[in-house]
Amino acid sequence: MTEAAARLRLLTRAGCHLCVTAAETVARIAAEAGVGTDEVDVDTDPELQAEYGDRVPVVLLDGREHSYFTVDVPRLRRDLGIP
């Protein structure tokens, strides 16, 4: 995996309607910024489930929690350096 691919990570779970919306938003912003993104179901990893399971969706930027429940679009755009 390249560094760009690890830039944005979305933590989700099956059946989460907020996760669907967040995935669309993160994909759009990642494309604008030219960074990679991936999606991980927290229910596939006991550690992720314990830490983030009650707050999905969670956006991680460079491995750090950026926002949860909804994507903080203005802040994410700013932190990725896009207008």
PDB file of N, CA and C in Angstrom:
ATOM      1  N   MET A   1       0.846  -1.177   0.000  1.00  0.00           N
ATOM      2  CA  MET A   1       0.000   0.000   0.000  1.00  0.00           C
ATOM      3  C   MET A   1       0.889   1.237   0.000  1.00  0.00           C
ATOM      4  N   THR A   2       0.548   2.183  -0.824  1.00  0.00           N
ATOM      5  CA  THR A   2       1.333   3.409  -0.887  1.00  0.00           C
ATOM      6  C   THR A   2       0.903   4.360   0.204  1.00  0.00           C
ATOM      7  N   GLU A   3       1.739   5.371   0.452  1.00  0.00           N
ATOM      8  CA  GLU A   3       1.396   6.362   1.465  1.00  0.00           C
ATOM      9  C   GLU A   3       0.092   7.069   1.111  1.00  0.00           C
ATOM     10  N   ALA A   4      -0.101   7.368  -0.184  1.00  0.00           N
ATOM     11  CA  ALA A   4      -1.332   8.038  -0.610  1.00  0.00           C
ATOM     12  C   ALA A   4      -2.553   7.185  -0.306  1.00  0.00           C
ATOM     13  N   ALA A   5      -2.431   5.875  -0.465  1.00  0.00           N
ATOM     14  CA  ALA A   5      -3.565   4.988  -0.230  1.00  0.00           C
ATOM     15  C   ALA A   5      -3.977   4.986   1.232  1.00  0.00           C
ATOM     16  N   ALA A   6      -3.061   5.292   2.119  1.00  0.00           N
ATOM     17  CA  ALA A   6      -3.347   5.250   3.556  1.00  0.00           C
ATOM     18  C   ALA A   6      -3.800   6.597   4.101  1.00  0.00           C
ATOM     19  N   ARG A   7      -3.867   7.602   3.292  1.00  0.00           N
ATOM     20  CA  ARG A   7      -4.158   8.957   3.750  1.00  0.00           C
ATOM     21  C   ARG A   7      -5.514   9.084   4.447  1.00  0.00           C
ATOM     22  N   LEU A   8      -6.562   8.577   3.835  1.00  0.00           N
ATOM     23  CA  LEU A   8      -7.916   8.639   4.402  1.00  0.00           C
ATOM     24  C   LEU A   8      -8.452   7.236   4.604  1.00  0.00           C
ATOM     25  N   ARG A   9      -8.980   6.991   5.781  1.00  0.00           N
ATOM     26  CA  ARG A   9      -9.610   5.700   6.069  1.00  0.00           C
ATOM     27  C   ARG A   9     -10.982   5.990   6.669  1.00  0.00           C
ATOM     28  N   LEU A  10     -11.982   5.260   6.198  1.00  0.00           N
ATOM     29  CA  LEU A  10     -13.335   5.392   6.717  1.00  0.00           C
ATOM     30  C   LEU A  10     -13.687   4.105   7.447  1.00  0.00           C
ATOM     31  N   LEU A  11     -14.020   4.238   8.712  1.00  0.00           N
ATOM     32  CA  LEU A  11     -14.449   3.098   9.519  1.00  0.00           C
ATOM     33  C   LEU A  11     -15.973   3.040   9.481  1.00  0.00           C
ATOM     34  N   THR A  12     -16.499   1.888   9.105  1.00  0.00           N
ATOM     35  CA  THR A  12     -17.933   1.730   8.883  1.00  0.00           C
ATOM     36  C   THR A  12     -18.422   0.436   9.516  1.00  0.00           C
ATOM     37  N   ARG A  13     -19.693   0.149   9.290  1.00  0.00           N
ATOM     38  CA  ARG A  13     -20.255  -1.168   9.610  1.00  0.00           C
ATOM     39  C   ARG A  13     -21.437  -1.402   8.677  1.00  0.00           C
ATOM     40  N   ALA A  14     -21.719  -2.655   8.448  1.00  0.00           N
ATOM     41  CA  ALA A  14     -22.822  -3.034   7.567  1.00  0.00           C
ATOM     42  C   ALA A  14     -24.145  -2.522   8.139  1.00  0.00           C
ATOM     43  N   GLY A  15     -25.012  -2.057   7.247  1.00  0.00           N
ATOM     44  CA  GLY A  15     -26.331  -1.598   7.656  1.00  0.00           C
ATOM     45  C   GLY A  15     -26.369  -0.196   8.223  1.00  0.00           C
ATOM     46  N   CYS A  16     -25.282   0.525   8.135  1.00  0.00           N
ATOM     47  CA  CYS A  16     -25.192   1.889   8.696  1.00  0.00           C
ATOM     48  C   CYS A  16     -25.493   2.907   7.600  1.00  0.00           C
ATOM     49  N   HIS A  17     -26.650   3.564   7.689  1.00  0.00           N
ATOM     50  CA  HIS A  17     -27.019   4.529   6.648  1.00  0.00           C
ATOM     51  C   HIS A  17     -26.107   5.760   6.664  1.00  0.00           C
ATOM     52  N   LEU A  18     -25.621   6.164   7.835  1.00  0.00           N
ATOM     53  CA  LEU A  18     -24.682   7.285   7.896  1.00  0.00           C
ATOM     54  C   LEU A  18     -23.363   6.933   7.199  1.00  0.00           C
ATOM     55  N   CYS A  19     -22.994   5.661   7.261  1.00  0.00           N
ATOM     56  CA  CYS A  19     -21.747   5.202   6.644  1.00  0.00           C
ATOM     57  C   CYS A  19     -21.808   5.318   5.124  1.00  0.00           C
ATOM     58  N   VAL A  20     -22.964   5.042   4.548  1.00  0.00           N
ATOM     59  CA  VAL A  20     -23.133   5.147   3.102  1.00  0.00           C
ATOM     60  C   VAL A  20     -22.913   6.593   2.659  1.00  0.00           C
ATOM     61  N   THR A  21     -23.536   7.515   3.351  1.00  0.00           N
ATOM     62  CA  THR A  21     -23.381   8.930   3.034  1.00  0.00           C
ATOM     63  C   THR A  21     -21.937   9.379   3.226  1.00  0.00           C
ATOM     64  N   ALA A  22     -21.330   8.967   4.328  1.00  0.00           N
ATOM     65  CA  ALA A  22     -19.940   9.340   4.605  1.00  0.00           C
ATOM     66  C   ALA A  22     -19.007   8.788   3.541  1.00  0.00           C
ATOM     67  N   ALA A  23     -19.237   7.561   3.083  1.00  0.00           N
ATOM     68  CA  ALA A  23     -18.381   6.950   2.060  1.00  0.00           C
ATOM     69  C   ALA A  23     -18.427   7.746   0.762  1.00  0.00           C
ATOM     70  N   GLU A  24     -19.618   8.184   0.371  1.00  0.00           N
ATOM     71  CA  GLU A  24     -19.758   8.992  -0.846  1.00  0.00           C
ATOM     72  C   GLU A  24     -19.014  10.314  -0.695  1.00  0.00           C
ATOM     73  N   THR A  25     -19.143  10.948   0.465  1.00  0.00           N
ATOM     74  CA  THR A  25     -18.494  12.233   0.711  1.00  0.00           C
ATOM     75  C   THR A  25     -16.987  12.095   0.745  1.00  0.00           C
ATOM     76  N   VAL A  26     -16.492  11.092   1.460  1.00  0.00           N
ATOM     77  CA  VAL A  26     -15.043  10.881   1.557  1.00  0.00           C
ATOM     78  C   VAL A  26     -14.454  10.560   0.185  1.00  0.00           C
ATOM     79  N   ALA A  27     -15.130   9.736  -0.595  1.00  0.00           N
ATOM     80  CA  ALA A  27     -14.637   9.389  -1.936  1.00  0.00           C
ATOM     81  C   ALA A  27     -14.533  10.636  -2.813  1.00  0.00           C
ATOM     82  N   ARG A  28     -15.531  11.487  -2.752  1.00  0.00           N
ATOM     83  CA  ARG A  28     -15.537  12.713  -3.563  1.00  0.00           C
ATOM     84  C   ARG A  28     -14.386  13.635  -3.169  1.00  0.00           C
ATOM     85  N   ILE A  29     -14.213  13.839  -1.868  1.00  0.00           N
ATOM     86  CA  ILE A  29     -13.161  14.738  -1.394  1.00  0.00           C
ATOM     87  C   ILE A  29     -11.777  14.144  -1.655  1.00  0.00           C
ATOM     88  N   ALA A  30     -11.630  12.844  -1.472  1.00  0.00           N
ATOM     89  CA  ALA A  30     -10.348  12.190  -1.746  1.00  0.00           C
ATOM     90  C   ALA A  30      -9.964  12.345  -3.215  1.00  0.00           C
ATOM     91  N   ALA A  31     -10.947  12.205  -4.105  1.00  0.00           N
ATOM     92  CA  ALA A  31     -10.679  12.369  -5.535  1.00  0.00           C
ATOM     93  C   ALA A  31     -10.238  13.794  -5.841  1.00  0.00           C
ATOM     94  N   GLU A  32     -10.906  14.768  -5.237  1.00  0.00           N
ATOM     95  CA  GLU A  32     -10.519  16.169  -5.443  1.00  0.00           C
ATOM     96  C   GLU A  32      -9.095  16.432  -4.958  1.00  0.00           C
ATOM     97  N   ALA A  33      -8.741  15.819  -3.833  1.00  0.00           N
ATOM     98  CA  ALA A  33      -7.427  16.049  -3.229  1.00  0.00           C
ATOM     99  C   ALA A  33      -6.347  15.171  -3.853  1.00  0.00           C
ATOM    100  N   GLY A  34      -6.747  14.162  -4.619  1.00  0.00           N
ATOM    101  CA  GLY A  34      -5.783  13.256  -5.220  1.00  0.00           C
ATOM    102  C   GLY A  34      -5.126  12.321  -4.221  1.00  0.00           C
ATOM    103  N   VAL A  35      -5.885  11.947  -3.197  1.00  0.00           N
ATOM    104  CA  VAL A  35      -5.354  11.029  -2.183  1.00  0.00           C
ATOM    105  C   VAL A  35      -6.157   9.736  -2.201  1.00  0.00           C
ATOM    106  N   GLY A  36      -5.530   8.693  -1.718  1.00  0.00           N
ATOM    107  CA  GLY A  36      -6.192   7.406  -1.651  1.00  0.00           C
ATOM    108  C   GLY A  36      -7.062   7.308  -0.411  1.00  0.00           C
ATOM    109  N   THR A  37      -8.014   6.400  -0.482  1.00  0.00           N
ATOM    110  CA  THR A  37      -8.898   6.152   0.651  1.00  0.00           C
ATOM    111  C   THR A  37      -9.230   4.670   0.705  1.00  0.00           C
ATOM    112  N   ASP A  38      -9.505   4.192   1.899  1.00  0.00           N
ATOM    113  CA  ASP A  38     -10.013   2.840   2.032  1.00  0.00           C
ATOM    114  C   ASP A  38     -11.090   2.817   3.104  1.00  0.00           C
ATOM    115  N   GLU A  39     -11.812   1.713   3.122  1.00  0.00           N
ATOM    116  CA  GLU A  39     -12.941   1.565   4.041  1.00  0.00           C
ATOM    117  C   GLU A  39     -12.768   0.263   4.808  1.00  0.00           C
ATOM    118  N   VAL A  40     -12.975   0.320   6.118  1.00  0.00           N
ATOM    119  CA  VAL A  40     -12.818  -0.852   6.964  1.00  0.00           C
ATOM    120  C   VAL A  40     -14.074  -1.018   7.813  1.00  0.00           C
ATOM    121  N   ASP A  41     -14.622  -2.208   7.818  1.00  0.00           N
ATOM    122  CA  ASP A  41     -15.771  -2.529   8.659  1.00  0.00           C
ATOM    123  C   ASP A  41     -15.249  -2.809  10.072  1.00  0.00           C
ATOM    124  N   VAL A  42     -15.659  -2.004  11.048  1.00  0.00           N
ATOM    125  CA  VAL A  42     -15.147  -2.162  12.417  1.00  0.00           C
ATOM    126  C   VAL A  42     -15.500  -3.519  13.008  1.00  0.00           C
ATOM    127  N   ASP A  43     -16.541  -4.141  12.510  1.00  0.00           N
ATOM    128  CA  ASP A  43     -16.955  -5.429  13.057  1.00  0.00           C
ATOM    129  C   ASP A  43     -16.041  -6.576  12.635  1.00  0.00           C
ATOM    130  N   THR A  44     -15.073  -6.312  11.746  1.00  0.00           N
ATOM    131  CA  THR A  44     -14.118  -7.337  11.331  1.00  0.00           C
ATOM    132  C   THR A  44     -12.862  -7.321  12.186  1.00  0.00           C
ATOM    133  N   ASP A  45     -12.750  -6.354  13.090  1.00  0.00           N
ATOM    134  CA  ASP A  45     -11.544  -6.216  13.918  1.00  0.00           C
ATOM    135  C   ASP A  45     -11.958  -5.878  15.349  1.00  0.00           C
ATOM    136  N   PRO A  46     -11.743  -6.775  16.297  1.00  0.00           N
ATOM    137  CA  PRO A  46     -12.183  -6.531  17.679  1.00  0.00           C
ATOM    138  C   PRO A  46     -11.625  -5.243  18.294  1.00  0.00           C
ATOM    139  N   GLU A  47     -10.396  -4.877  17.956  1.00  0.00           N
ATOM    140  CA  GLU A  47      -9.822  -3.641  18.505  1.00  0.00           C
ATOM    141  C   GLU A  47     -10.521  -2.411  17.950  1.00  0.00           C
ATOM    142  N   LEU A  48     -10.754  -2.401  16.634  1.00  0.00           N
ATOM    143  CA  LEU A  48     -11.479  -1.282  16.032  1.00  0.00           C
ATOM    144  C   LEU A  48     -12.904  -1.212  16.560  1.00  0.00           C
ATOM    145  N   GLN A  49     -13.541  -2.362  16.715  1.00  0.00           N
ATOM    146  CA  GLN A  49     -14.905  -2.392  17.215  1.00  0.00           C
ATOM    147  C   GLN A  49     -14.968  -1.824  18.633  1.00  0.00           C
ATOM    148  N   ALA A  50     -14.001  -2.194  19.466  1.00  0.00           N
ATOM    149  CA  ALA A  50     -13.987  -1.702  20.850  1.00  0.00           C
ATOM    150  C   ALA A  50     -13.752  -0.192  20.907  1.00  0.00           C
ATOM    151  N   GLU A  51     -12.874   0.306  20.040  1.00  0.00           N
ATOM    152  CA  GLU A  51     -12.541   1.733  20.099  1.00  0.00           C
ATOM    153  C   GLU A  51     -13.534   2.627  19.376  1.00  0.00           C
ATOM    154  N   TYR A  52     -14.019   2.182  18.220  1.00  0.00           N
ATOM    155  CA  TYR A  52     -14.828   3.062  17.369  1.00  0.00           C
ATOM    156  C   TYR A  52     -16.255   2.574  17.126  1.00  0.00           C
ATOM    157  N   GLY A  53     -16.598   1.378  17.571  1.00  0.00           N
ATOM    158  CA  GLY A  53     -17.857   0.743  17.204  1.00  0.00           C
ATOM    159  C   GLY A  53     -19.117   1.513  17.517  1.00  0.00           C
ATOM    160  N   ASP A  54     -19.088   2.343  18.547  1.00  0.00           N
ATOM    161  CA  ASP A  54     -20.293   3.098  18.901  1.00  0.00           C
ATOM    162  C   ASP A  54     -20.344   4.474  18.242  1.00  0.00           C
ATOM    163  N   ARG A  55     -19.361   4.771  17.361  1.00  0.00           N
ATOM    164  CA  ARG A  55     -19.306   6.108  16.759  1.00  0.00           C
ATOM    165  C   ARG A  55     -19.232   6.091  15.240  1.00  0.00           C
ATOM    166  N   VAL A  56     -19.448   4.958  14.592  1.00  0.00           N
ATOM    167  CA  VAL A  56     -19.301   4.924  13.142  1.00  0.00           C
ATOM    168  C   VAL A  56     -20.350   5.773  12.447  1.00  0.00           C
ATOM    169  N   PRO A  57     -20.022   6.333  11.305  1.00  0.00           N
ATOM    170  CA  PRO A  57     -18.746   6.269  10.617  1.00  0.00           C
ATOM    171  C   PRO A  57     -17.692   7.173  11.267  1.00  0.00           C
ATOM    172  N   VAL A  58     -16.445   6.754  11.132  1.00  0.00           N
ATOM    173  CA  VAL A  58     -15.321   7.526  11.649  1.00  0.00           C
ATOM    174  C   VAL A  58     -14.358   7.766  10.496  1.00  0.00           C
ATOM    175  N   VAL A  59     -13.951   9.017  10.318  1.00  0.00           N
ATOM    176  CA  VAL A  59     -12.956   9.363   9.306  1.00  0.00           C
ATOM    177  C   VAL A  59     -11.608   9.484  10.001  1.00  0.00           C
ATOM    178  N   LEU A  60     -10.618   8.746   9.478  1.00  0.00           N
ATOM    179  CA  LEU A  60      -9.252   8.854   9.962  1.00  0.00           C
ATOM    180  C   LEU A  60      -8.429   9.526   8.868  1.00  0.00           C
ATOM    181  N   LEU A  61      -7.677  10.528   9.234  1.00  0.00           N
ATOM    182  CA  LEU A  61      -6.766  11.202   8.312  1.00  0.00           C
ATOM    183  C   LEU A  61      -5.360  10.969   8.816  1.00  0.00           C
ATOM    184  N   ASP A  62      -4.549  10.332   7.997  1.00  0.00           N
ATOM    185  CA  ASP A  62      -3.174   9.986   8.375  1.00  0.00           C
ATOM    186  C   ASP A  62      -3.142   9.218   9.695  1.00  0.00           C
ATOM    187  N   GLY A  63      -4.134   8.337   9.884  1.00  0.00           N
ATOM    188  CA  GLY A  63      -4.177   7.475  11.060  1.00  0.00           C
ATOM    189  C   GLY A  63      -4.756   8.093  12.310  1.00  0.00           C
ATOM    190  N   ARG A  64      -5.156   9.351  12.235  1.00  0.00           N
ATOM    191  CA  ARG A  64      -5.736  10.035  13.402  1.00  0.00           C
ATOM    192  C   ARG A  64      -7.214  10.320  13.162  1.00  0.00           C
ATOM    193  N   GLU A  65      -7.972  10.218  14.236  1.00  0.00           N
ATOM    194  CA  GLU A  65      -9.404  10.478  14.128  1.00  0.00           C
ATOM    195  C   GLU A  65      -9.638  11.921  13.706  1.00  0.00           C
ATOM    196  N   HIS A  66     -10.433  12.077  12.668  1.00  0.00           N
ATOM    197  CA  HIS A  66     -10.721  13.409  12.129  1.00  0.00           C
ATOM    198  C   HIS A  66     -12.152  13.833  12.447  1.00  0.00           C
ATOM    199  N   SER A  67     -13.107  12.933  12.242  1.00  0.00           N
ATOM    200  CA  SER A  67     -14.505  13.231  12.557  1.00  0.00           C
ATOM    201  C   SER A  67     -15.265  11.917  12.685  1.00  0.00           C
ATOM    202  N   TYR A  68     -16.447  11.994  13.289  1.00  0.00           N
ATOM    203  CA  TYR A  68     -17.288  10.812  13.407  1.00  0.00           C
ATOM    204  C   TYR A  68     -18.747  11.203  13.310  1.00  0.00           C
ATOM    205  N   PHE A  69     -19.577  10.225  13.008  1.00  0.00           N
ATOM    206  CA  PHE A  69     -21.006  10.358  12.705  1.00  0.00           C
ATOM    207  C   PHE A  69     -21.245  11.061  11.371  1.00  0.00           C
ATOM    208  N   THR A  70     -20.626  12.200  11.151  1.00  0.00           N
ATOM    209  CA  THR A  70     -20.705  12.895   9.868  1.00  0.00           C
ATOM    210  C   THR A  70     -19.298  13.345   9.477  1.00  0.00           C
ATOM    211  N   VAL A  71     -19.109  13.603   8.194  1.00  0.00           N
ATOM    212  CA  VAL A  71     -17.823  14.089   7.709  1.00  0.00           C
ATOM    213  C   VAL A  71     -17.804  15.604   7.879  1.00  0.00           C
ATOM    214  N   ASP A  72     -16.806  16.108   8.575  1.00  0.00           N
ATOM    215  CA  ASP A  72     -16.629  17.555   8.721  1.00  0.00           C
ATOM    216  C   ASP A  72     -15.964  18.056   7.443  1.00  0.00           C
ATOM    217  N   VAL A  73     -16.788  18.322   6.429  1.00  0.00           N
ATOM    218  CA  VAL A  73     -16.296  18.624   5.088  1.00  0.00           C
ATOM    219  C   VAL A  73     -15.382  19.852   5.061  1.00  0.00           C
ATOM    220  N   PRO A  74     -15.775  20.988   5.622  1.00  0.00           N
ATOM    221  CA  PRO A  74     -14.869  22.151   5.556  1.00  0.00           C
ATOM    222  C   PRO A  74     -13.509  21.870   6.212  1.00  0.00           C
ATOM    223  N   ARG A  75     -13.517  21.220   7.339  1.00  0.00           N
ATOM    224  CA  ARG A  75     -12.268  20.916   8.043  1.00  0.00           C
ATOM    225  C   ARG A  75     -11.435  19.906   7.245  1.00  0.00           C
ATOM    226  N   LEU A  76     -12.073  18.872   6.688  1.00  0.00           N
ATOM    227  CA  LEU A  76     -11.346  17.872   5.917  1.00  0.00           C
ATOM    228  C   LEU A  76     -10.729  18.501   4.673  1.00  0.00           C
ATOM    229  N   ARG A  77     -11.485  19.321   3.981  1.00  0.00           N
ATOM    230  CA  ARG A  77     -10.946  20.008   2.799  1.00  0.00           C
ATOM    231  C   ARG A  77      -9.748  20.870   3.193  1.00  0.00           C
ATOM    232  N   ARG A  78      -9.866  21.600   4.278  1.00  0.00           N
ATOM    233  CA  ARG A  78      -8.767  22.456   4.746  1.00  0.00           C
ATOM    234  C   ARG A  78      -7.543  21.607   5.086  1.00  0.00           C
ATOM    235  N   ASP A  79      -7.762  20.527   5.822  1.00  0.00           N
ATOM    236  CA  ASP A  79      -6.640  19.693   6.257  1.00  0.00           C
ATOM    237  C   ASP A  79      -5.970  18.957   5.097  1.00  0.00           C
ATOM    238  N   LEU A  80      -6.696  18.782   3.991  1.00  0.00           N
ATOM    239  CA  LEU A  80      -6.114  18.176   2.793  1.00  0.00           C
ATOM    240  C   LEU A  80      -5.567  19.224   1.834  1.00  0.00           C
ATOM    241  N   GLY A  81      -5.741  20.501   2.180  1.00  0.00           N
ATOM    242  CA  GLY A  81      -5.190  21.574   1.362  1.00  0.00           C
ATOM    243  C   GLY A  81      -5.956  21.847   0.081  1.00  0.00           C
ATOM    244  N   ILE A  82      -7.273  21.600   0.096  1.00  0.00           N
ATOM    245  CA  ILE A  82      -8.083  21.926  -1.077  1.00  0.00           C
ATOM    246  C   ILE A  82      -9.101  23.001  -0.696  1.00  0.00           C
ATOM    247  N   PRO A  83      -9.368  23.901  -1.641  1.00  0.00           N
ATOM    248  CA  PRO A  83     -10.311  25.001  -1.347  1.00  0.00           C
ATOM    249  C   PRO A  83     -11.757  24.556  -1.261  1.00  0.00           C
TER     250      PRO A  83
END
